[in-house]
């Protein structure tokens, strides 16, 4: 399996528990056997450098995952159509 780092920004116009639920749902997309989330960081609310979809702040999350390419492709597809996600970035971590 390959290691990836995934960063995503959730809209802050929702309630705090809804923001956490969105993040947990995205974690569940990765936690399909044999893939797994190695580390999950809640980076908190931050002001965006420029407005995205009329939002001026976002709630940042970073995950380090070990997953197959198919799982990452499906995660990317689902995040792209999720209205609550402002931006996301998936980076493949080079093996040492």
PDB file of N, CA and C in Angstrom:
ATOM      1  N   UNK A   1       0.838  -1.175   0.000  1.00  0.00           N
ATOM      2  CA  UNK A   1       0.000   0.000   0.000  1.00  0.00           C
ATOM      3  C   UNK A   1       0.890   1.247   0.000  1.00  0.00           C
ATOM      4  N   UNK A   2       0.309   2.320  -0.444  1.00  0.00           N
ATOM      5  CA  UNK A   2       1.029   3.581  -0.568  1.00  0.00           C
ATOM      6  C   UNK A   2       0.563   4.548   0.516  1.00  0.00           C
ATOM      7  N   UNK A   3       1.486   5.389   0.966  1.00  0.00           N
ATOM      8  CA  UNK A   3       1.133   6.407   1.953  1.00  0.00           C
ATOM      9  C   UNK A   3       0.771   7.704   1.240  1.00  0.00           C
ATOM     10  N   UNK A   4      -0.271   8.358   1.759  1.00  0.00           N
ATOM     11  CA  UNK A   4      -0.729   9.637   1.223  1.00  0.00           C
ATOM     12  C   UNK A   4      -0.963  10.604   2.372  1.00  0.00           C
ATOM     13  N   UNK A   5      -0.829  11.895   2.071  1.00  0.00           N
ATOM     14  CA  UNK A   5      -1.242  12.933   3.010  1.00  0.00           C
ATOM     15  C   UNK A   5      -2.402  13.660   2.360  1.00  0.00           C
ATOM     16  N   UNK A   6      -3.500  13.775   3.086  1.00  0.00           N
ATOM     17  CA  UNK A   6      -4.715  14.398   2.560  1.00  0.00           C
ATOM     18  C   UNK A   6      -5.064  15.592   3.431  1.00  0.00           C
ATOM     19  N   UNK A   7      -5.253  16.743   2.812  1.00  0.00           N
ATOM     20  CA  UNK A   7      -5.683  17.939   3.523  1.00  0.00           C
ATOM     21  C   UNK A   7      -7.016  18.350   2.924  1.00  0.00           C
ATOM     22  N   UNK A   8      -7.974  18.715   3.792  1.00  0.00           N
ATOM     23  CA  UNK A   8      -9.243  19.218   3.290  1.00  0.00           C
ATOM     24  C   UNK A   8      -9.746  20.333   4.186  1.00  0.00           C
ATOM     25  N   UNK A   9     -10.521  21.236   3.588  1.00  0.00           N
ATOM     26  CA  UNK A   9     -11.072  22.386   4.290  1.00  0.00           C
ATOM     27  C   UNK A   9     -12.592  22.269   4.262  1.00  0.00           C
ATOM     28  N   UNK A  10     -13.205  22.316   5.448  1.00  0.00           N
ATOM     29  CA  UNK A  10     -14.657  22.206   5.591  1.00  0.00           C
ATOM     30  C   UNK A  10     -15.236  23.598   5.828  1.00  0.00           C
ATOM     31  N   UNK A  11     -16.410  23.859   5.258  1.00  0.00           N
ATOM     32  CA  UNK A  11     -17.105  25.135   5.486  1.00  0.00           C
ATOM     33  C   UNK A  11     -17.310  25.374   6.970  1.00  0.00           C
ATOM     34  N   UNK A  12     -17.205  26.626   7.407  1.00  0.00           N
ATOM     35  CA  UNK A  12     -17.411  26.933   8.821  1.00  0.00           C
ATOM     36  C   UNK A  12     -18.788  27.536   9.082  1.00  0.00           C
ATOM     37  N   UNK A  13     -19.620  27.632   8.065  1.00  0.00           N
ATOM     38  CA  UNK A  13     -20.962  28.180   8.259  1.00  0.00           C
ATOM     39  C   UNK A  13     -21.913  27.151   8.871  1.00  0.00           C
ATOM     40  N   UNK A  14     -21.422  25.944   9.103  1.00  0.00           N
ATOM     41  CA  UNK A  14     -22.226  24.884   9.722  1.00  0.00           C
ATOM     42  C   UNK A  14     -21.960  24.866  11.228  1.00  0.00           C
ATOM     43  N   UNK A  15     -22.777  24.102  11.956  1.00  0.00           N
ATOM     44  CA  UNK A  15     -22.569  23.896  13.393  1.00  0.00           C
ATOM     45  C   UNK A  15     -21.297  23.074  13.604  1.00  0.00           C
ATOM     46  N   UNK A  16     -20.668  23.203  14.781  1.00  0.00           N
ATOM     47  CA  UNK A  16     -19.433  22.480  15.081  1.00  0.00           C
ATOM     48  C   UNK A  16     -19.594  20.967  14.997  1.00  0.00           C
ATOM     49  N   UNK A  17     -20.726  20.443  15.487  1.00  0.00           N
ATOM     50  CA  UNK A  17     -20.925  18.989  15.426  1.00  0.00           C
ATOM     51  C   UNK A  17     -21.124  18.505  13.995  1.00  0.00           C
ATOM     52  N   UNK A  18     -21.695  19.347  13.123  1.00  0.00           N
ATOM     53  CA  UNK A  18     -21.833  18.987  11.704  1.00  0.00           C
ATOM     54  C   UNK A  18     -20.461  18.965  11.019  1.00  0.00           C
ATOM     55  N   UNK A  19     -19.592  19.910  11.376  1.00  0.00           N
ATOM     56  CA  UNK A  19     -18.236  19.941  10.819  1.00  0.00           C
ATOM     57  C   UNK A  19     -17.490  18.669  11.214  1.00  0.00           C
ATOM     58  N   UNK A  20     -17.598  18.269  12.486  1.00  0.00           N
ATOM     59  CA  UNK A  20     -16.947  17.044  12.959  1.00  0.00           C
ATOM     60  C   UNK A  20     -17.506  15.815  12.247  1.00  0.00           C
ATOM     61  N   UNK A  21     -18.820  15.795  11.996  1.00  0.00           N
ATOM     62  CA  UNK A  21     -19.435  14.655  11.309  1.00  0.00           C
ATOM     63  C   UNK A  21     -18.920  14.539   9.878  1.00  0.00           C
ATOM     64  N   UNK A  22     -18.754  15.669   9.189  1.00  0.00           N
ATOM     65  CA  UNK A  22     -18.205  15.652   7.831  1.00  0.00           C
ATOM     66  C   UNK A  22     -16.803  15.049   7.851  1.00  0.00           C
ATOM     67  N   UNK A  23     -15.975  15.479   8.807  1.00  0.00           N
ATOM     68  CA  UNK A  23     -14.610  14.959   8.920  1.00  0.00           C
ATOM     69  C   UNK A  23     -14.607  13.461   9.236  1.00  0.00           C
ATOM     70  N   UNK A  24     -15.483  13.028  10.138  1.00  0.00           N
ATOM     71  CA  UNK A  24     -15.568  11.603  10.480  1.00  0.00           C
ATOM     72  C   UNK A  24     -16.031  10.766   9.288  1.00  0.00           C
ATOM     73  N   UNK A  25     -16.968  11.287   8.515  1.00  0.00           N
ATOM     74  CA  UNK A  25     -17.445  10.575   7.325  1.00  0.00           C
ATOM     75  C   UNK A  25     -16.328  10.397   6.304  1.00  0.00           C
ATOM     76  N   UNK A  26     -15.484  11.429   6.158  1.00  0.00           N
ATOM     77  CA  UNK A  26     -14.367  11.331   5.223  1.00  0.00           C
ATOM     78  C   UNK A  26     -13.330  10.331   5.725  1.00  0.00           C
ATOM     79  N   UNK A  27     -13.156  10.257   7.037  1.00  0.00           N
ATOM     80  CA  UNK A  27     -12.256   9.263   7.614  1.00  0.00           C
ATOM     81  C   UNK A  27     -12.757   7.852   7.320  1.00  0.00           C
ATOM     82  N   UNK A  28     -14.071   7.655   7.407  1.00  0.00           N
ATOM     83  CA  UNK A  28     -14.661   6.338   7.155  1.00  0.00           C
ATOM     84  C   UNK A  28     -14.467   5.899   5.707  1.00  0.00           C
ATOM     85  N   UNK A  29     -14.410   6.861   4.774  1.00  0.00           N
ATOM     86  CA  UNK A  29     -14.173   6.514   3.368  1.00  0.00           C
ATOM     87  C   UNK A  29     -12.813   5.845   3.185  1.00  0.00           C
ATOM     88  N   UNK A  30     -11.838   6.263   3.984  1.00  0.00           N
ATOM     89  CA  UNK A  30     -10.489   5.700   3.886  1.00  0.00           C
ATOM     90  C   UNK A  30     -10.381   4.395   4.667  1.00  0.00           C
ATOM     91  N   UNK A  31     -11.065   4.274   5.797  1.00  0.00           N
ATOM     92  CA  UNK A  31     -10.927   3.124   6.692  1.00  0.00           C
ATOM     93  C   UNK A  31     -11.636   1.873   6.178  1.00  0.00           C
ATOM     94  N   UNK A  32     -11.544   1.624   4.898  1.00  0.00           N
ATOM     95  CA  UNK A  32     -12.073   0.394   4.305  1.00  0.00           C
ATOM     96  C   UNK A  32     -10.899  -0.573   4.218  1.00  0.00           C
ATOM     97  N   UNK A  33     -11.081  -1.771   4.756  1.00  0.00           N
ATOM     98  CA  UNK A  33      -9.985  -2.746   4.792  1.00  0.00           C
ATOM     99  C   UNK A  33      -9.406  -2.938   3.407  1.00  0.00           C
ATOM    100  N   UNK A  34      -8.128  -3.019   3.205  1.00  0.00           N
ATOM    101  CA  UNK A  34      -7.023  -2.975   4.160  1.00  0.00           C
ATOM    102  C   UNK A  34      -6.474  -1.556   4.396  1.00  0.00           C
ATOM    103  N   UNK A  35      -7.090  -0.552   3.801  1.00  0.00           N
ATOM    104  CA  UNK A  35      -6.615   0.822   3.967  1.00  0.00           C
ATOM    105  C   UNK A  35      -6.902   1.312   5.379  1.00  0.00           C
ATOM    106  N   UNK A  36      -6.104   2.294   5.839  1.00  0.00           N
ATOM    107  CA  UNK A  36      -6.324   2.808   7.178  1.00  0.00           C
ATOM    108  C   UNK A  36      -5.779   4.231   7.312  1.00  0.00           C
ATOM    109  N   UNK A  37      -6.363   4.969   8.253  1.00  0.00           N
ATOM    110  CA  UNK A  37      -5.887   6.305   8.602  1.00  0.00           C
ATOM    111  C   UNK A  37      -4.807   6.129   9.661  1.00  0.00           C
ATOM    112  N   UNK A  38      -3.599   6.609   9.361  1.00  0.00           N
ATOM    113  CA  UNK A  38      -2.488   6.487  10.296  1.00  0.00           C
ATOM    114  C   UNK A  38      -2.526   7.619  11.322  1.00  0.00           C
ATOM    115  N   UNK A  39      -2.769   8.835  10.836  1.00  0.00           N
ATOM    116  CA  UNK A  39      -2.804   9.999  11.712  1.00  0.00           C
ATOM    117  C   UNK A  39      -3.886  10.948  11.222  1.00  0.00           C
ATOM    118  N   UNK A  40      -4.599  11.565  12.156  1.00  0.00           N
ATOM    119  CA  UNK A  40      -5.665  12.509  11.823  1.00  0.00           C
ATOM    120  C   UNK A  40      -5.499  13.746  12.694  1.00  0.00           C
ATOM    121  N   UNK A  41      -5.316  14.905  12.058  1.00  0.00           N
ATOM    122  CA  UNK A  41      -5.100  16.147  12.804  1.00  0.00           C
ATOM    123  C   UNK A  41      -6.213  17.144  12.498  1.00  0.00           C
ATOM    124  N   UNK A  42      -6.767  17.701  13.556  1.00  0.00           N
ATOM    125  CA  UNK A  42      -7.726  18.789  13.437  1.00  0.00           C
ATOM    126  C   UNK A  42      -6.925  20.074  13.604  1.00  0.00           C
ATOM    127  N   UNK A  43      -6.737  20.821  12.516  1.00  0.00           N
ATOM    128  CA  UNK A  43      -5.908  22.028  12.544  1.00  0.00           C
ATOM    129  C   UNK A  43      -6.695  23.266  12.979  1.00  0.00           C
ATOM    130  N   UNK A  44      -8.000  23.135  13.095  1.00  0.00           N
ATOM    131  CA  UNK A  44      -8.837  24.225  13.577  1.00  0.00           C
ATOM    132  C   UNK A  44      -9.311  25.173  12.488  1.00  0.00           C
ATOM    133  N   UNK A  45      -9.993  26.218  12.938  1.00  0.00           N
ATOM    134  CA  UNK A  45     -10.565  27.223  12.030  1.00  0.00           C
ATOM    135  C   UNK A  45      -9.488  28.252  11.681  1.00  0.00           C
ATOM    136  N   UNK A  46      -9.392  28.551  10.393  1.00  0.00           N
ATOM    137  CA  UNK A  46      -8.420  29.541   9.939  1.00  0.00           C
ATOM    138  C   UNK A  46      -9.056  30.435   8.884  1.00  0.00           C
ATOM    139  N   UNK A  47      -8.550  31.653   8.816  1.00  0.00           N
ATOM    140  CA  UNK A  47      -9.002  32.589   7.792  1.00  0.00           C
ATOM    141  C   UNK A  47      -8.356  32.195   6.469  1.00  0.00           C
ATOM    142  N   UNK A  48      -9.136  32.175   5.407  1.00  0.00           N
ATOM    143  CA  UNK A  48      -8.623  31.824   4.088  1.00  0.00           C
ATOM    144  C   UNK A  48      -7.886  33.017   3.480  1.00  0.00           C
ATOM    145  N   UNK A  49      -6.905  32.749   2.650  1.00  0.00           N
ATOM    146  CA  UNK A  49      -6.148  33.816   1.998  1.00  0.00           C
ATOM    147  C   UNK A  49      -7.032  34.604   1.028  1.00  0.00           C
ATOM    148  N   UNK A  50      -8.020  33.928   0.466  1.00  0.00           N
ATOM    149  CA  UNK A  50      -8.981  34.553  -0.437  1.00  0.00           C
ATOM    150  C   UNK A  50     -10.294  33.788  -0.321  1.00  0.00           C
ATOM    151  N   UNK A  51     -11.416  34.448  -0.608  1.00  0.00           N
ATOM    152  CA  UNK A  51     -12.707  33.754  -0.488  1.00  0.00           C
ATOM    153  C   UNK A  51     -12.819  32.571  -1.452  1.00  0.00           C
ATOM    154  N   UNK A  52     -13.364  31.478  -0.950  1.00  0.00           N
ATOM    155  CA  UNK A  52     -13.644  30.289  -1.757  1.00  0.00           C
ATOM    156  C   UNK A  52     -15.130  30.012  -1.616  1.00  0.00           C
ATOM    157  N   UNK A  53     -15.844  30.023  -2.727  1.00  0.00           N
ATOM    158  CA  UNK A  53     -17.297  29.801  -2.719  1.00  0.00           C
ATOM    159  C   UNK A  53     -17.978  30.729  -1.709  1.00  0.00           C
ATOM    160  N   UNK A  54     -17.542  31.969  -1.669  1.00  0.00           N
ATOM    161  CA  UNK A  54     -18.059  33.034  -0.797  1.00  0.00           C
ATOM    162  C   UNK A  54     -17.784  32.792   0.683  1.00  0.00           C
ATOM    163  N   UNK A  55     -16.924  31.840   1.015  1.00  0.00           N
ATOM    164  CA  UNK A  55     -16.521  31.569   2.403  1.00  0.00           C
ATOM    165  C   UNK A  55     -15.195  32.289   2.669  1.00  0.00           C
ATOM    166  N   UNK A  56     -15.051  32.881   3.855  1.00  0.00           N
ATOM    167  CA  UNK A  56     -13.811  33.595   4.195  1.00  0.00           C
ATOM    168  C   UNK A  56     -12.977  32.852   5.237  1.00  0.00           C
ATOM    169  N   UNK A  57     -13.536  31.784   5.827  1.00  0.00           N
ATOM    170  CA  UNK A  57     -12.769  30.963   6.761  1.00  0.00           C
ATOM    171  C   UNK A  57     -13.135  29.504   6.543  1.00  0.00           C
ATOM    172  N   UNK A  58     -12.272  28.625   7.018  1.00  0.00           N
ATOM    173  CA  UNK A  58     -12.519  27.201   6.858  1.00  0.00           C
ATOM    174  C   UNK A  58     -11.923  26.424   8.016  1.00  0.00           C
ATOM    175  N   UNK A  59     -12.399  25.205   8.216  1.00  0.00           N
ATOM    176  CA  UNK A  59     -11.893  24.322   9.258  1.00  0.00           C
ATOM    177  C   UNK A  59     -10.975  23.308   8.575  1.00  0.00           C
ATOM    178  N   UNK A  60      -9.696  23.330   8.935  1.00  0.00           N
ATOM    179  CA  UNK A  60      -8.674  22.524   8.264  1.00  0.00           C
ATOM    180  C   UNK A  60      -8.480  21.175   8.965  1.00  0.00           C
ATOM    181  N   UNK A  61      -8.306  20.130   8.157  1.00  0.00           N
ATOM    182  CA  UNK A  61      -7.977  18.796   8.645  1.00  0.00           C
ATOM    183  C   UNK A  61      -6.872  18.216   7.787  1.00  0.00           C
ATOM    184  N   UNK A  62      -5.984  17.432   8.414  1.00  0.00           N
ATOM    185  CA  UNK A  62      -4.906  16.748   7.698  1.00  0.00           C
ATOM    186  C   UNK A  62      -4.899  15.291   8.137  1.00  0.00           C
ATOM    187  N   UNK A  63      -4.834  14.378   7.155  1.00  0.00           N
ATOM    188  CA  UNK A  63      -4.776  12.946   7.437  1.00  0.00           C
ATOM    189  C   UNK A  63      -3.562  12.345   6.756  1.00  0.00           C
ATOM    190  N   UNK A  64      -2.906  11.445   7.438  1.00  0.00           N
ATOM    191  CA  UNK A  64      -1.894  10.596   6.821  1.00  0.00           C
ATOM    192  C   UNK A  64      -2.524   9.218   6.722  1.00  0.00           C
ATOM    193  N   UNK A  65      -2.535   8.658   5.517  1.00  0.00           N
ATOM    194  CA  UNK A  65      -3.223   7.382   5.305  1.00  0.00           C
ATOM    195  C   UNK A  65      -2.336   6.399   4.555  1.00  0.00           C
ATOM    196  N   UNK A  66      -2.638   5.151   4.727  1.00  0.00           N
ATOM    197  CA  UNK A  66      -2.026   4.082   3.960  1.00  0.00           C
ATOM    198  C   UNK A  66      -3.167   3.429   3.192  1.00  0.00           C
ATOM    199  N   UNK A  67      -3.130   3.544   1.866  1.00  0.00           N
ATOM    200  CA  UNK A  67      -4.291   3.095   1.092  1.00  0.00           C
ATOM    201  C   UNK A  67      -3.902   2.664  -0.320  1.00  0.00           C
ATOM    202  N   UNK A  68      -4.791   1.905  -0.923  1.00  0.00           N
ATOM    203  CA  UNK A  68      -4.662   1.528  -2.330  1.00  0.00           C
ATOM    204  C   UNK A  68      -5.103   2.694  -3.201  1.00  0.00           C
ATOM    205  N   UNK A  69      -4.637   2.729  -4.414  1.00  0.00           N
ATOM    206  CA  UNK A  69      -4.955   3.819  -5.336  1.00  0.00           C
ATOM    207  C   UNK A  69      -6.468   3.925  -5.587  1.00  0.00           C
ATOM    208  N   UNK A  70      -7.147   2.776  -5.660  1.00  0.00           N
ATOM    209  CA  UNK A  70      -8.590   2.784  -5.929  1.00  0.00           C
ATOM    210  C   UNK A  70      -9.364   3.492  -4.812  1.00  0.00           C
ATOM    211  N   UNK A  71      -8.950   3.290  -3.572  1.00  0.00           N
ATOM    212  CA  UNK A  71      -9.599   3.940  -2.424  1.00  0.00           C
ATOM    213  C   UNK A  71      -9.389   5.457  -2.508  1.00  0.00           C
ATOM    214  N   UNK A  72      -8.176   5.874  -2.848  1.00  0.00           N
ATOM    215  CA  UNK A  72      -7.857   7.302  -2.954  1.00  0.00           C
ATOM    216  C   UNK A  72      -8.643   7.930  -4.105  1.00  0.00           C
ATOM    217  N   UNK A  73      -8.776   7.223  -5.210  1.00  0.00           N
ATOM    218  CA  UNK A  73      -9.545   7.734  -6.353  1.00  0.00           C
ATOM    219  C   UNK A  73     -11.012   7.935  -5.977  1.00  0.00           C
ATOM    220  N   UNK A  74     -11.574   6.979  -5.259  1.00  0.00           N
ATOM    221  CA  UNK A  74     -12.973   7.081  -4.827  1.00  0.00           C
ATOM    222  C   UNK A  74     -13.136   8.208  -3.807  1.00  0.00           C
ATOM    223  N   UNK A  75     -12.178   8.350  -2.885  1.00  0.00           N
ATOM    224  CA  UNK A  75     -12.200   9.450  -1.913  1.00  0.00           C
ATOM    225  C   UNK A  75     -12.185  10.789  -2.650  1.00  0.00           C
ATOM    226  N   UNK A  76     -11.301  10.925  -3.626  1.00  0.00           N
ATOM    227  CA  UNK A  76     -11.187  12.160  -4.412  1.00  0.00           C
ATOM    228  C   UNK A  76     -12.505  12.479  -5.126  1.00  0.00           C
ATOM    229  N   UNK A  77     -13.134  11.468  -5.698  1.00  0.00           N
ATOM    230  CA  UNK A  77     -14.400  11.659  -6.407  1.00  0.00           C
ATOM    231  C   UNK A  77     -15.491  12.144  -5.455  1.00  0.00           C
ATOM    232  N   UNK A  78     -15.609  11.488  -4.295  1.00  0.00           N
ATOM    233  CA  UNK A  78     -16.666  11.845  -3.346  1.00  0.00           C
ATOM    234  C   UNK A  78     -16.438  13.224  -2.722  1.00  0.00           C
ATOM    235  N   UNK A  79     -15.190  13.574  -2.444  1.00  0.00           N
ATOM    236  CA  UNK A  79     -14.887  14.885  -1.864  1.00  0.00           C
ATOM    237  C   UNK A  79     -15.161  15.991  -2.891  1.00  0.00           C
ATOM    238  N   UNK A  80     -14.900  15.708  -4.155  1.00  0.00           N
ATOM    239  CA  UNK A  80     -15.115  16.710  -5.209  1.00  0.00           C
ATOM    240  C   UNK A  80     -16.583  17.100  -5.350  1.00  0.00           C
ATOM    241  N   UNK A  81     -17.490  16.175  -5.046  1.00  0.00           N
ATOM    242  CA  UNK A  81     -18.916  16.492  -5.193  1.00  0.00           C
ATOM    243  C   UNK A  81     -19.577  16.876  -3.870  1.00  0.00           C
ATOM    244  N   UNK A  82     -18.815  16.832  -2.771  1.00  0.00           N
ATOM    245  CA  UNK A  82     -19.348  17.193  -1.454  1.00  0.00           C
ATOM    246  C   UNK A  82     -19.402  18.718  -1.323  1.00  0.00           C
ATOM    247  N   UNK A  83     -20.583  19.274  -1.112  1.00  0.00           N
ATOM    248  CA  UNK A  83     -20.768  20.730  -1.031  1.00  0.00           C
ATOM    249  C   UNK A  83     -20.126  21.345   0.207  1.00  0.00           C
ATOM    250  N   UNK A  84     -19.894  20.548   1.238  1.00  0.00           N
ATOM    251  CA  UNK A  84     -19.345  21.066   2.491  1.00  0.00           C
ATOM    252  C   UNK A  84     -17.817  21.188   2.476  1.00  0.00           C
ATOM    253  N   UNK A  85     -17.165  20.638   1.463  1.00  0.00           N
ATOM    254  CA  UNK A  85     -15.710  20.705   1.354  1.00  0.00           C
ATOM    255  C   UNK A  85     -15.352  21.839   0.397  1.00  0.00           C
ATOM    256  N   UNK A  86     -14.576  22.804   0.910  1.00  0.00           N
ATOM    257  CA  UNK A  86     -14.167  23.940   0.081  1.00  0.00           C
ATOM    258  C   UNK A  86     -13.015  23.561  -0.848  1.00  0.00           C
ATOM    259  N   UNK A  87     -11.996  22.900  -0.300  1.00  0.00           N
ATOM    260  CA  UNK A  87     -10.826  22.473  -1.068  1.00  0.00           C
ATOM    261  C   UNK A  87     -10.280  21.190  -0.462  1.00  0.00           C
ATOM    262  N   UNK A  88      -9.564  20.430  -1.281  1.00  0.00           N
ATOM    263  CA  UNK A  88      -8.847  19.271  -0.779  1.00  0.00           C
ATOM    264  C   UNK A  88      -7.595  19.059  -1.607  1.00  0.00           C
ATOM    265  N   UNK A  89      -6.629  18.396  -1.004  1.00  0.00           N
ATOM    266  CA  UNK A  89      -5.359  18.135  -1.670  1.00  0.00           C
ATOM    267  C   UNK A  89      -4.872  16.764  -1.225  1.00  0.00           C
ATOM    268  N   UNK A  90      -4.465  15.938  -2.185  1.00  0.00           N
ATOM    269  CA  UNK A  90      -3.962  14.608  -1.893  1.00  0.00           C
ATOM    270  C   UNK A  90      -2.519  14.537  -2.416  1.00  0.00           C
ATOM    271  N   UNK A  91      -1.591  14.212  -1.527  1.00  0.00           N
ATOM    272  CA  UNK A  91      -0.178  14.150  -1.886  1.00  0.00           C
ATOM    273  C   UNK A  91       0.334  12.748  -1.582  1.00  0.00           C
ATOM    274  N   UNK A  92       0.998  12.146  -2.552  1.00  0.00           N
ATOM    275  CA  UNK A  92       1.609  10.833  -2.335  1.00  0.00           C
ATOM    276  C   UNK A  92       2.934  11.057  -1.613  1.00  0.00           C
ATOM    277  N   UNK A  93       3.132  10.363  -0.512  1.00  0.00           N
ATOM    278  CA  UNK A  93       4.372  10.490   0.266  1.00  0.00           C
ATOM    279  C   UNK A  93       5.384   9.506  -0.278  1.00  0.00           C
ATOM    280  N   UNK A  94       6.539  10.034  -0.637  1.00  0.00           N
ATOM    281  CA  UNK A  94       7.602   9.175  -1.180  1.00  0.00           C
ATOM    282  C   UNK A  94       8.113   8.247  -0.096  1.00  0.00           C
ATOM    283  N   UNK A  95       8.379   7.005  -0.467  1.00  0.00           N
ATOM    284  CA  UNK A  95       8.925   6.060   0.512  1.00  0.00           C
ATOM    285  C   UNK A  95      10.400   6.387   0.743  1.00  0.00           C
ATOM    286  N   UNK A  96      10.836   6.171   1.966  1.00  0.00           N
ATOM    287  CA  UNK A  96      12.208   6.553   2.345  1.00  0.00           C
ATOM    288  C   UNK A  96      13.193   5.460   2.046  1.00  0.00           C
TER     289      UNK A  96
END
